[in-house]
Every structure is written in structure tokens, then in C-alpha cells.
Amino acid sequence: MKSDKQTRCQCQHLLKCEPMVWTFLTGLRIPLSNNLAERILRPYVVIGKKLAFGSHSRRGDACRARVLSVTTTARQLKVPVYAFLRQVCTEHQRFGEVRTKLPPCQAQLENQAA
């Protein structure tokens, strides 16, 4: 259960970023639903639950969500997933941080050019 202080901090953060919260209403390139993302991730979630019986911790849930997000994005950008994950893990072990980034998608490149 979240404390009142945590809730207050989250509300203050939302108020600071309020214009960003409503971007989907004015940004024509942003879909009003996340159906595409849900369809892409659904097989991984269903199969993952069947094979791994879910996660037993919040850290495990967070790790799985991040890995699924990165691997799905890498596939969409045609980046070799295994090589990318190996590079990221190697950098984190050697330097304590990750310097390698996924390339921007076409929409991000168009935003930067505008």
C-alpha cells in the first residue's frame, strides 16, 4: 500500500508533466489505444506464464517486462536481438552502465527533423 507521501509525490510529478500526459489527444501520430503493443506482447506473456509459472518477485516482473520491451523493439527495428542483449550485458558488467542504444525508429527521426 502506498503512503500518502508517495501518492502526493506522484500527483505533483503528474501536474509538472501534465501537457505530456495529454499528448495522445493532439499528436496525430500517436494511436489512441495501445492495441498494437498488446498484440505484440501477448504471445510472450501467455507463453511466459505457461512455461515459467509467472514471476515470484517484483524485480522478476520488472526484469521480464524490460527484456520483452527491448527484444520486441529490437525486432521491429531489425536489430539482431541476441547480439544487442549480449552487448548491453557486457557493457554493464565492464562499465557499470550501458552506452549502447537502440537506433531511433522512423517516427523519432521525423520528429527530430521537424
N, C-alpha and C. Protein backbone atom coordinates (compact mmCIF):
# COMPACT_ATOMS: atom_id res chain seq x y z
N MET A 1 0.84 -1.17 0.00
CA MET A 1 0.00 0.00 0.00
C MET A 1 0.89 1.24 0.00
N LYS A 2 0.57 2.18 -0.86
CA LYS A 2 1.37 3.40 -0.96
C LYS A 2 1.00 4.37 0.15
N SER A 3 1.99 5.07 0.62
CA SER A 3 1.74 6.07 1.65
C SER A 3 1.19 7.34 1.02
N ASP A 4 0.66 8.21 1.87
CA ASP A 4 0.15 9.49 1.39
C ASP A 4 1.26 10.31 0.75
N LYS A 5 2.45 10.23 1.31
CA LYS A 5 3.59 10.99 0.78
C LYS A 5 3.93 10.53 -0.64
N GLN A 6 3.95 9.21 -0.87
CA GLN A 6 4.25 8.69 -2.21
C GLN A 6 3.17 9.13 -3.20
N THR A 7 1.93 9.05 -2.78
CA THR A 7 0.82 9.47 -3.65
C THR A 7 0.93 10.95 -3.98
N ARG A 8 1.23 11.76 -2.97
CA ARG A 8 1.39 13.20 -3.17
C ARG A 8 2.51 13.48 -4.17
N CYS A 9 3.65 12.78 -4.03
CA CYS A 9 4.78 12.97 -4.95
C CYS A 9 4.41 12.59 -6.38
N GLN A 10 3.68 11.49 -6.53
CA GLN A 10 3.26 11.08 -7.87
C GLN A 10 2.32 12.10 -8.49
N CYS A 11 1.41 12.63 -7.69
CA CYS A 11 0.47 13.65 -8.20
C CYS A 11 1.22 14.92 -8.60
N GLN A 12 2.19 15.33 -7.78
CA GLN A 12 2.97 16.51 -8.12
C GLN A 12 3.74 16.30 -9.42
N HIS A 13 4.29 15.12 -9.60
CA HIS A 13 5.01 14.80 -10.84
C HIS A 13 4.07 14.87 -12.04
N LEU A 14 2.87 14.30 -11.90
CA LEU A 14 1.90 14.35 -13.00
C LEU A 14 1.51 15.78 -13.34
N LEU A 15 1.36 16.61 -12.32
CA LEU A 15 1.00 18.01 -12.58
C LEU A 15 2.12 18.75 -13.30
N LYS A 16 3.37 18.43 -12.97
CA LYS A 16 4.51 19.06 -13.66
C LYS A 16 4.53 18.65 -15.13
N CYS A 17 4.14 17.42 -15.39
CA CYS A 17 4.22 16.86 -16.75
C CYS A 17 2.85 16.80 -17.43
N GLU A 18 1.90 17.57 -16.95
CA GLU A 18 0.53 17.46 -17.45
C GLU A 18 0.41 17.57 -18.96
N PRO A 19 1.09 18.52 -19.62
CA PRO A 19 0.96 18.58 -21.09
C PRO A 19 1.36 17.26 -21.76
N MET A 20 2.38 16.60 -21.22
CA MET A 20 2.83 15.34 -21.79
C MET A 20 1.76 14.25 -21.63
N VAL A 21 1.03 14.30 -20.53
CA VAL A 21 0.00 13.29 -20.26
C VAL A 21 -1.08 13.30 -21.34
N TRP A 22 -1.36 14.48 -21.89
CA TRP A 22 -2.44 14.62 -22.87
C TRP A 22 -1.95 14.66 -24.32
N THR A 23 -0.69 14.34 -24.55
CA THR A 23 -0.12 14.39 -25.90
C THR A 23 -0.90 13.53 -26.89
N PHE A 24 -1.40 12.40 -26.44
CA PHE A 24 -2.09 11.50 -27.36
C PHE A 24 -3.34 12.13 -27.97
N LEU A 25 -3.88 13.16 -27.33
CA LEU A 25 -5.07 13.82 -27.88
C LEU A 25 -4.74 14.76 -29.02
N THR A 26 -3.54 15.33 -29.01
CA THR A 26 -3.17 16.30 -30.04
C THR A 26 -2.17 15.75 -31.05
N GLY A 27 -1.41 14.73 -30.66
CA GLY A 27 -0.42 14.15 -31.56
C GLY A 27 -1.08 13.17 -32.52
N LEU A 28 -1.13 13.52 -33.78
CA LEU A 28 -1.83 12.69 -34.76
C LEU A 28 -1.14 11.34 -34.99
N ARG A 29 0.17 11.27 -34.74
CA ARG A 29 0.90 10.02 -34.97
C ARG A 29 0.76 9.04 -33.81
N ILE A 30 0.21 9.49 -32.70
CA ILE A 30 0.11 8.64 -31.51
C ILE A 30 -1.26 7.98 -31.51
N PRO A 31 -1.31 6.64 -31.55
CA PRO A 31 -2.61 5.96 -31.57
C PRO A 31 -3.35 6.16 -30.24
N LEU A 32 -4.67 6.19 -30.31
CA LEU A 32 -5.47 6.39 -29.10
C LEU A 32 -5.55 5.13 -28.25
N SER A 33 -5.10 4.03 -28.76
CA SER A 33 -5.08 2.79 -27.97
C SER A 33 -3.69 2.17 -28.07
N ASN A 34 -3.44 1.24 -27.20
CA ASN A 34 -2.17 0.52 -27.26
C ASN A 34 -2.40 -0.91 -27.75
N ASN A 35 -3.41 -1.09 -28.60
CA ASN A 35 -3.73 -2.43 -29.11
C ASN A 35 -2.55 -3.08 -29.82
N LEU A 36 -1.79 -2.31 -30.61
CA LEU A 36 -0.65 -2.87 -31.31
C LEU A 36 0.36 -3.43 -30.32
N ALA A 37 0.69 -2.65 -29.30
CA ALA A 37 1.64 -3.11 -28.29
C ALA A 37 1.12 -4.34 -27.56
N GLU A 38 -0.15 -4.35 -27.23
CA GLU A 38 -0.73 -5.50 -26.54
C GLU A 38 -0.69 -6.75 -27.42
N ARG A 39 -1.00 -6.59 -28.71
CA ARG A 39 -0.97 -7.75 -29.61
C ARG A 39 0.44 -8.29 -29.77
N ILE A 40 1.42 -7.39 -29.80
CA ILE A 40 2.80 -7.82 -29.96
C ILE A 40 3.28 -8.57 -28.73
N LEU A 41 2.95 -8.07 -27.54
CA LEU A 41 3.45 -8.67 -26.30
C LEU A 41 2.64 -9.87 -25.81
N ARG A 42 1.40 -9.99 -26.25
CA ARG A 42 0.53 -11.05 -25.74
C ARG A 42 1.12 -12.46 -25.84
N PRO A 43 1.67 -12.87 -26.97
CA PRO A 43 2.22 -14.23 -27.03
C PRO A 43 3.31 -14.47 -25.99
N TYR A 44 4.15 -13.46 -25.75
CA TYR A 44 5.23 -13.62 -24.78
C TYR A 44 4.69 -13.77 -23.37
N VAL A 45 3.67 -13.01 -23.06
CA VAL A 45 3.09 -13.05 -21.72
C VAL A 45 2.41 -14.38 -21.49
N VAL A 46 1.59 -14.82 -22.45
CA VAL A 46 0.87 -16.09 -22.30
C VAL A 46 1.85 -17.26 -22.23
N ILE A 47 2.79 -17.32 -23.16
CA ILE A 47 3.77 -18.41 -23.17
C ILE A 47 4.65 -18.35 -21.92
N GLY A 48 5.07 -17.15 -21.53
CA GLY A 48 5.91 -17.00 -20.35
C GLY A 48 5.24 -17.51 -19.10
N LYS A 49 3.96 -17.23 -18.95
CA LYS A 49 3.24 -17.71 -17.77
C LYS A 49 3.12 -19.23 -17.79
N LYS A 50 2.90 -19.80 -18.97
CA LYS A 50 2.76 -21.25 -19.06
C LYS A 50 4.08 -21.96 -18.78
N LEU A 51 5.18 -21.41 -19.30
CA LEU A 51 6.47 -22.08 -19.16
C LEU A 51 7.16 -21.78 -17.83
N ALA A 52 7.04 -20.56 -17.36
CA ALA A 52 7.79 -20.15 -16.16
C ALA A 52 6.90 -20.03 -14.93
N PHE A 53 5.61 -20.25 -15.07
CA PHE A 53 4.67 -20.14 -13.97
C PHE A 53 4.70 -18.74 -13.34
N GLY A 54 4.95 -17.73 -14.15
CA GLY A 54 4.98 -16.35 -13.68
C GLY A 54 6.25 -16.05 -12.91
N SER A 55 6.31 -14.86 -12.37
CA SER A 55 7.46 -14.44 -11.60
C SER A 55 7.10 -14.51 -10.12
N HIS A 56 8.12 -14.61 -9.29
CA HIS A 56 7.88 -14.69 -7.86
C HIS A 56 8.31 -13.43 -7.12
N SER A 57 8.63 -12.37 -7.86
CA SER A 57 9.05 -11.13 -7.22
C SER A 57 8.77 -9.94 -8.12
N ARG A 58 8.76 -8.77 -7.51
CA ARG A 58 8.57 -7.54 -8.30
C ARG A 58 9.76 -7.31 -9.23
N ARG A 59 10.97 -7.60 -8.73
CA ARG A 59 12.16 -7.43 -9.57
C ARG A 59 12.10 -8.36 -10.78
N GLY A 60 11.61 -9.57 -10.57
CA GLY A 60 11.47 -10.51 -11.68
C GLY A 60 10.46 -10.03 -12.70
N ASP A 61 9.34 -9.50 -12.22
CA ASP A 61 8.32 -8.94 -13.12
C ASP A 61 8.89 -7.77 -13.91
N ALA A 62 9.60 -6.88 -13.22
CA ALA A 62 10.17 -5.71 -13.88
C ALA A 62 11.22 -6.12 -14.91
N CYS A 63 12.05 -7.08 -14.55
CA CYS A 63 13.09 -7.55 -15.48
C CYS A 63 12.45 -8.15 -16.73
N ARG A 64 11.47 -9.00 -16.54
CA ARG A 64 10.81 -9.63 -17.68
C ARG A 64 10.16 -8.59 -18.58
N ALA A 65 9.49 -7.61 -17.99
CA ALA A 65 8.84 -6.56 -18.78
C ALA A 65 9.87 -5.77 -19.59
N ARG A 66 11.00 -5.45 -18.98
CA ARG A 66 12.03 -4.68 -19.69
C ARG A 66 12.65 -5.50 -20.82
N VAL A 67 12.94 -6.75 -20.54
CA VAL A 67 13.54 -7.59 -21.59
C VAL A 67 12.56 -7.78 -22.75
N LEU A 68 11.29 -8.01 -22.45
CA LEU A 68 10.30 -8.15 -23.52
C LEU A 68 10.18 -6.87 -24.34
N SER A 69 10.20 -5.75 -23.67
CA SER A 69 10.10 -4.46 -24.37
C SER A 69 11.30 -4.25 -25.28
N VAL A 70 12.49 -4.50 -24.76
CA VAL A 70 13.72 -4.30 -25.55
C VAL A 70 13.78 -5.27 -26.72
N THR A 71 13.49 -6.54 -26.47
CA THR A 71 13.58 -7.52 -27.56
C THR A 71 12.53 -7.25 -28.64
N THR A 72 11.33 -6.87 -28.23
CA THR A 72 10.29 -6.58 -29.22
C THR A 72 10.65 -5.36 -30.04
N THR A 73 11.16 -4.31 -29.38
CA THR A 73 11.57 -3.10 -30.09
C THR A 73 12.73 -3.41 -31.03
N ALA A 74 13.69 -4.18 -30.56
CA ALA A 74 14.84 -4.53 -31.41
C ALA A 74 14.38 -5.28 -32.66
N ARG A 75 13.47 -6.22 -32.49
CA ARG A 75 12.96 -6.95 -33.65
C ARG A 75 12.27 -6.01 -34.64
N GLN A 76 11.47 -5.09 -34.13
CA GLN A 76 10.78 -4.14 -35.01
C GLN A 76 11.76 -3.27 -35.77
N LEU A 77 12.89 -2.94 -35.14
CA LEU A 77 13.90 -2.10 -35.77
C LEU A 77 14.92 -2.92 -36.58
N LYS A 78 14.70 -4.23 -36.63
CA LYS A 78 15.58 -5.15 -37.38
C LYS A 78 17.01 -5.15 -36.81
N VAL A 79 17.12 -5.04 -35.48
CA VAL A 79 18.39 -5.12 -34.78
C VAL A 79 18.54 -6.56 -34.29
N PRO A 80 19.71 -7.20 -34.52
CA PRO A 80 19.89 -8.58 -34.03
C PRO A 80 19.74 -8.62 -32.51
N VAL A 81 18.70 -9.28 -32.03
CA VAL A 81 18.34 -9.24 -30.61
C VAL A 81 19.42 -9.83 -29.72
N TYR A 82 19.87 -11.04 -30.03
CA TYR A 82 20.86 -11.71 -29.18
C TYR A 82 22.15 -10.88 -29.09
N ALA A 83 22.63 -10.40 -30.22
CA ALA A 83 23.86 -9.61 -30.23
C ALA A 83 23.68 -8.32 -29.44
N PHE A 84 22.51 -7.70 -29.55
CA PHE A 84 22.26 -6.46 -28.82
C PHE A 84 22.24 -6.72 -27.32
N LEU A 85 21.50 -7.75 -26.88
CA LEU A 85 21.44 -8.06 -25.45
C LEU A 85 22.81 -8.45 -24.91
N ARG A 86 23.56 -9.17 -25.69
CA ARG A 86 24.92 -9.56 -25.26
C ARG A 86 25.80 -8.31 -25.09
N GLN A 87 25.70 -7.38 -26.02
CA GLN A 87 26.47 -6.13 -25.94
C GLN A 87 26.07 -5.33 -24.70
N VAL A 88 24.78 -5.21 -24.46
CA VAL A 88 24.28 -4.46 -23.31
C VAL A 88 24.78 -5.08 -22.00
N CYS A 89 24.68 -6.40 -21.89
CA CYS A 89 25.13 -7.08 -20.66
C CYS A 89 26.63 -6.95 -20.46
N THR A 90 27.38 -7.06 -21.54
CA THR A 90 28.85 -6.92 -21.46
C THR A 90 29.22 -5.52 -20.99
N GLU A 91 28.60 -4.49 -21.56
CA GLU A 91 28.88 -3.12 -21.16
C GLU A 91 28.53 -2.88 -19.70
N HIS A 92 27.42 -3.42 -19.27
CA HIS A 92 27.02 -3.22 -17.88
C HIS A 92 28.02 -3.89 -16.93
N GLN A 93 28.48 -5.07 -17.27
CA GLN A 93 29.48 -5.75 -16.43
C GLN A 93 30.79 -5.00 -16.40
N ARG A 94 31.23 -4.50 -17.54
CA ARG A 94 32.54 -3.84 -17.63
C ARG A 94 32.54 -2.42 -17.07
N PHE A 95 31.49 -1.66 -17.39
CA PHE A 95 31.50 -0.23 -17.08
C PHE A 95 30.49 0.18 -16.00
N GLY A 96 29.59 -0.72 -15.64
CA GLY A 96 28.57 -0.37 -14.67
C GLY A 96 27.45 0.46 -15.26
N GLU A 97 27.49 0.67 -16.56
CA GLU A 97 26.45 1.40 -17.27
C GLU A 97 26.35 0.88 -18.69
N VAL A 98 25.28 1.22 -19.35
CA VAL A 98 25.07 0.78 -20.73
C VAL A 98 25.17 1.99 -21.64
N ARG A 99 26.08 1.90 -22.60
CA ARG A 99 26.28 3.01 -23.54
C ARG A 99 25.59 2.76 -24.87
N THR A 100 25.37 1.51 -25.20
CA THR A 100 24.73 1.14 -26.46
C THR A 100 23.24 1.45 -26.39
N LYS A 101 22.72 2.03 -27.43
CA LYS A 101 21.30 2.36 -27.51
C LYS A 101 20.71 1.75 -28.77
N LEU A 102 19.42 1.49 -28.74
CA LEU A 102 18.73 1.06 -29.95
C LEU A 102 18.65 2.26 -30.88
N PRO A 103 18.71 2.03 -32.18
CA PRO A 103 18.58 3.16 -33.11
C PRO A 103 17.17 3.74 -33.02
N PRO A 104 17.01 5.03 -33.29
CA PRO A 104 15.68 5.62 -33.24
C PRO A 104 14.80 5.05 -34.35
N CYS A 105 13.51 4.96 -34.07
CA CYS A 105 12.59 4.49 -35.11
C CYS A 105 12.33 5.64 -36.09
N GLN A 106 11.70 5.34 -37.18
CA GLN A 106 11.46 6.34 -38.23
C GLN A 106 10.68 7.54 -37.70
N ALA A 107 9.68 7.30 -36.84
CA ALA A 107 8.88 8.41 -36.30
C ALA A 107 9.76 9.36 -35.47
N GLN A 108 10.70 8.83 -34.70
CA GLN A 108 11.58 9.67 -33.91
C GLN A 108 12.47 10.51 -34.83
N LEU A 109 12.97 9.90 -35.91
CA LEU A 109 13.81 10.63 -36.85
C LEU A 109 13.04 11.77 -37.50
N GLU A 110 11.76 11.53 -37.83
CA GLU A 110 10.92 12.56 -38.44
C GLU A 110 10.69 13.70 -37.45
N ASN A 111 10.50 13.37 -36.17
CA ASN A 111 10.31 14.41 -35.13
C ASN A 111 11.55 15.27 -35.00
N GLN A 112 12.73 14.66 -35.04
CA GLN A 112 13.98 15.39 -34.90
C GLN A 112 14.20 16.33 -36.09
N ALA A 113 13.76 15.90 -37.26
CA ALA A 113 13.96 16.70 -38.47
C ALA A 113 13.00 17.91 -38.49
N ALA A 114 11.86 17.76 -37.84
CA ALA A 114 10.83 18.83 -37.87
C ALA A 114 11.17 19.98 -36.93
